[in-house]
Amino acid sequence: MESLYLLVPLSVFIVVLAVWVFFGAADSGQFDDLDGPGMRILLDDDEPVEKGPRNDLA
């Protein structure tokens, strides 16, 4: 029973800290564009390099 005097405030503190971190991340814009970076990787098609005639003189 005495451990509850420590565990309840500690758990409340951890929940408040987690909520504060979440809203801090949301305010800084970290959750604005979740699909953009993933789609940028999938749709990143580099143009193939055209191979011209080789000019080996050696």
N, C-alpha and C. Protein backbone atom coordinates (compact mmCIF):
# COMPACT_ATOMS: atom_id res chain seq x y z
N MET A 1 0.82 -1.19 0.00
CA MET A 1 0.00 0.00 0.00
C MET A 1 0.86 1.26 0.00
N GLU A 2 2.00 1.17 0.65
CA GLU A 2 2.87 2.35 0.71
C GLU A 2 3.52 2.64 -0.64
N SER A 3 3.63 1.62 -1.46
CA SER A 3 4.24 1.84 -2.78
C SER A 3 3.33 2.68 -3.68
N LEU A 4 2.03 2.69 -3.40
CA LEU A 4 1.11 3.50 -4.20
C LEU A 4 1.39 4.99 -4.04
N TYR A 5 1.90 5.39 -2.89
CA TYR A 5 2.23 6.79 -2.67
C TYR A 5 3.36 7.25 -3.60
N LEU A 6 4.15 6.32 -4.06
CA LEU A 6 5.21 6.63 -5.01
C LEU A 6 4.76 6.38 -6.45
N LEU A 7 4.07 5.28 -6.68
CA LEU A 7 3.74 4.87 -8.04
C LEU A 7 2.66 5.74 -8.70
N VAL A 8 1.67 6.17 -7.96
CA VAL A 8 0.60 6.97 -8.54
C VAL A 8 1.12 8.34 -9.01
N PRO A 9 1.84 9.09 -8.18
CA PRO A 9 2.38 10.36 -8.70
C PRO A 9 3.39 10.17 -9.83
N LEU A 10 4.17 9.10 -9.75
CA LEU A 10 5.14 8.82 -10.81
C LEU A 10 4.44 8.52 -12.13
N SER A 11 3.38 7.74 -12.09
CA SER A 11 2.65 7.42 -13.32
C SER A 11 1.92 8.65 -13.87
N VAL A 12 1.39 9.48 -13.00
CA VAL A 12 0.74 10.71 -13.45
C VAL A 12 1.77 11.63 -14.10
N PHE A 13 2.96 11.71 -13.51
CA PHE A 13 4.03 12.52 -14.09
C PHE A 13 4.43 12.00 -15.47
N ILE A 14 4.53 10.70 -15.63
CA ILE A 14 4.92 10.11 -16.92
C ILE A 14 3.84 10.38 -17.97
N VAL A 15 2.58 10.28 -17.60
CA VAL A 15 1.49 10.56 -18.55
C VAL A 15 1.50 12.03 -18.95
N VAL A 16 1.68 12.92 -18.00
CA VAL A 16 1.73 14.35 -18.31
C VAL A 16 2.92 14.66 -19.21
N LEU A 17 4.06 14.03 -18.94
CA LEU A 17 5.24 14.22 -19.77
C LEU A 17 5.00 13.72 -21.20
N ALA A 18 4.36 12.56 -21.34
CA ALA A 18 4.08 12.01 -22.67
C ALA A 18 3.11 12.92 -23.44
N VAL A 19 2.10 13.44 -22.78
CA VAL A 19 1.15 14.34 -23.44
C VAL A 19 1.85 15.63 -23.85
N TRP A 20 2.72 16.14 -22.99
CA TRP A 20 3.46 17.37 -23.30
C TRP A 20 4.38 17.17 -24.51
N VAL A 21 5.06 16.03 -24.57
CA VAL A 21 5.94 15.74 -25.70
C VAL A 21 5.12 15.59 -26.98
N PHE A 22 3.98 14.93 -26.91
CA PHE A 22 3.13 14.75 -28.09
C PHE A 22 2.64 16.09 -28.62
N PHE A 23 2.12 16.94 -27.76
CA PHE A 23 1.62 18.23 -28.23
C PHE A 23 2.76 19.14 -28.68
N GLY A 24 3.92 19.01 -28.08
CA GLY A 24 5.08 19.77 -28.55
C GLY A 24 5.48 19.36 -29.96
N ALA A 25 5.44 18.06 -30.23
CA ALA A 25 5.75 17.58 -31.58
C ALA A 25 4.68 18.00 -32.57
N ALA A 26 3.43 17.98 -32.15
CA ALA A 26 2.34 18.39 -33.05
C ALA A 26 2.43 19.88 -33.36
N ASP A 27 2.80 20.70 -32.38
CA ASP A 27 2.91 22.14 -32.62
C ASP A 27 4.08 22.48 -33.52
N SER A 28 5.14 21.68 -33.48
CA SER A 28 6.30 21.99 -34.31
C SER A 28 6.13 21.49 -35.74
N GLY A 29 5.03 20.80 -36.04
CA GLY A 29 4.74 20.41 -37.41
C GLY A 29 5.29 19.06 -37.81
N GLN A 30 5.64 18.22 -36.86
CA GLN A 30 6.21 16.92 -37.21
C GLN A 30 5.19 15.96 -37.78
N PHE A 31 3.91 16.22 -37.57
CA PHE A 31 2.87 15.31 -38.07
C PHE A 31 2.12 15.92 -39.24
N ASP A 32 2.64 16.96 -39.86
CA ASP A 32 1.92 17.62 -40.95
C ASP A 32 1.87 16.78 -42.21
N ASP A 33 2.98 16.22 -42.62
CA ASP A 33 3.03 15.47 -43.88
C ASP A 33 3.63 14.10 -43.61
N LEU A 34 2.77 13.13 -43.33
CA LEU A 34 3.26 11.79 -43.03
C LEU A 34 3.48 10.95 -44.28
N ASP A 35 2.78 11.27 -45.36
CA ASP A 35 2.88 10.46 -46.58
C ASP A 35 3.95 10.96 -47.54
N GLY A 36 4.33 12.21 -47.44
CA GLY A 36 5.26 12.80 -48.40
C GLY A 36 6.61 12.11 -48.49
N PRO A 37 7.33 11.92 -47.38
CA PRO A 37 8.65 11.29 -47.50
C PRO A 37 8.59 9.86 -48.02
N GLY A 38 7.59 9.11 -47.63
CA GLY A 38 7.48 7.74 -48.12
C GLY A 38 7.17 7.67 -49.60
N MET A 39 6.29 8.54 -50.06
CA MET A 39 5.96 8.56 -51.48
C MET A 39 7.12 9.12 -52.30
N ARG A 40 7.90 10.03 -51.72
CA ARG A 40 9.04 10.58 -52.43
C ARG A 40 10.08 9.50 -52.71
N ILE A 41 10.24 8.57 -51.78
CA ILE A 41 11.18 7.47 -51.99
C ILE A 41 10.65 6.52 -53.07
N LEU A 42 9.35 6.22 -53.02
CA LEU A 42 8.79 5.28 -53.98
C LEU A 42 8.73 5.85 -55.39
N LEU A 43 8.50 7.14 -55.50
CA LEU A 43 8.32 7.74 -56.82
C LEU A 43 9.59 8.42 -57.33
N ASP A 44 10.72 8.16 -56.72
CA ASP A 44 11.98 8.77 -57.12
C ASP A 44 12.59 7.96 -58.26
N ASP A 45 12.14 8.25 -59.47
CA ASP A 45 12.65 7.56 -60.64
C ASP A 45 13.71 8.42 -61.30
N ASP A 46 14.94 8.01 -61.18
CA ASP A 46 16.02 8.73 -61.84
C ASP A 46 15.99 8.42 -63.33
N GLU A 47 16.30 9.41 -64.10
CA GLU A 47 16.37 9.21 -65.55
C GLU A 47 17.58 8.32 -65.86
N PRO A 48 17.40 7.32 -66.71
CA PRO A 48 18.54 6.45 -67.03
C PRO A 48 19.60 7.23 -67.81
N VAL A 49 20.83 6.92 -67.52
CA VAL A 49 21.94 7.58 -68.19
C VAL A 49 22.10 6.96 -69.57
N GLU A 50 22.07 7.80 -70.59
CA GLU A 50 22.22 7.29 -71.96
C GLU A 50 23.68 7.01 -72.22
N LYS A 51 23.94 5.82 -72.69
CA LYS A 51 25.31 5.44 -72.99
C LYS A 51 25.62 5.79 -74.44
N GLY A 52 26.58 6.66 -74.59
CA GLY A 52 27.00 7.06 -75.93
C GLY A 52 28.17 6.20 -76.37
N PRO A 53 28.69 6.47 -77.52
CA PRO A 53 29.84 5.69 -77.99
C PRO A 53 31.06 5.98 -77.11
N ARG A 54 31.76 4.92 -76.77
CA ARG A 54 32.96 5.08 -75.96
C ARG A 54 34.11 5.50 -76.84
N ASN A 55 34.94 6.31 -76.32
CA ASN A 55 36.05 6.84 -77.08
C ASN A 55 37.34 6.40 -76.40
N ASP A 56 37.71 5.14 -76.59
CA ASP A 56 38.93 4.60 -75.98
C ASP A 56 40.09 4.77 -76.94
N LEU A 57 40.97 5.64 -76.59
CA LEU A 57 42.14 5.85 -77.44
C LEU A 57 43.35 5.07 -76.95
N ALA A 58 43.33 4.62 -75.73
CA ALA A 58 44.51 3.94 -75.18
C ALA A 58 44.56 2.49 -75.50
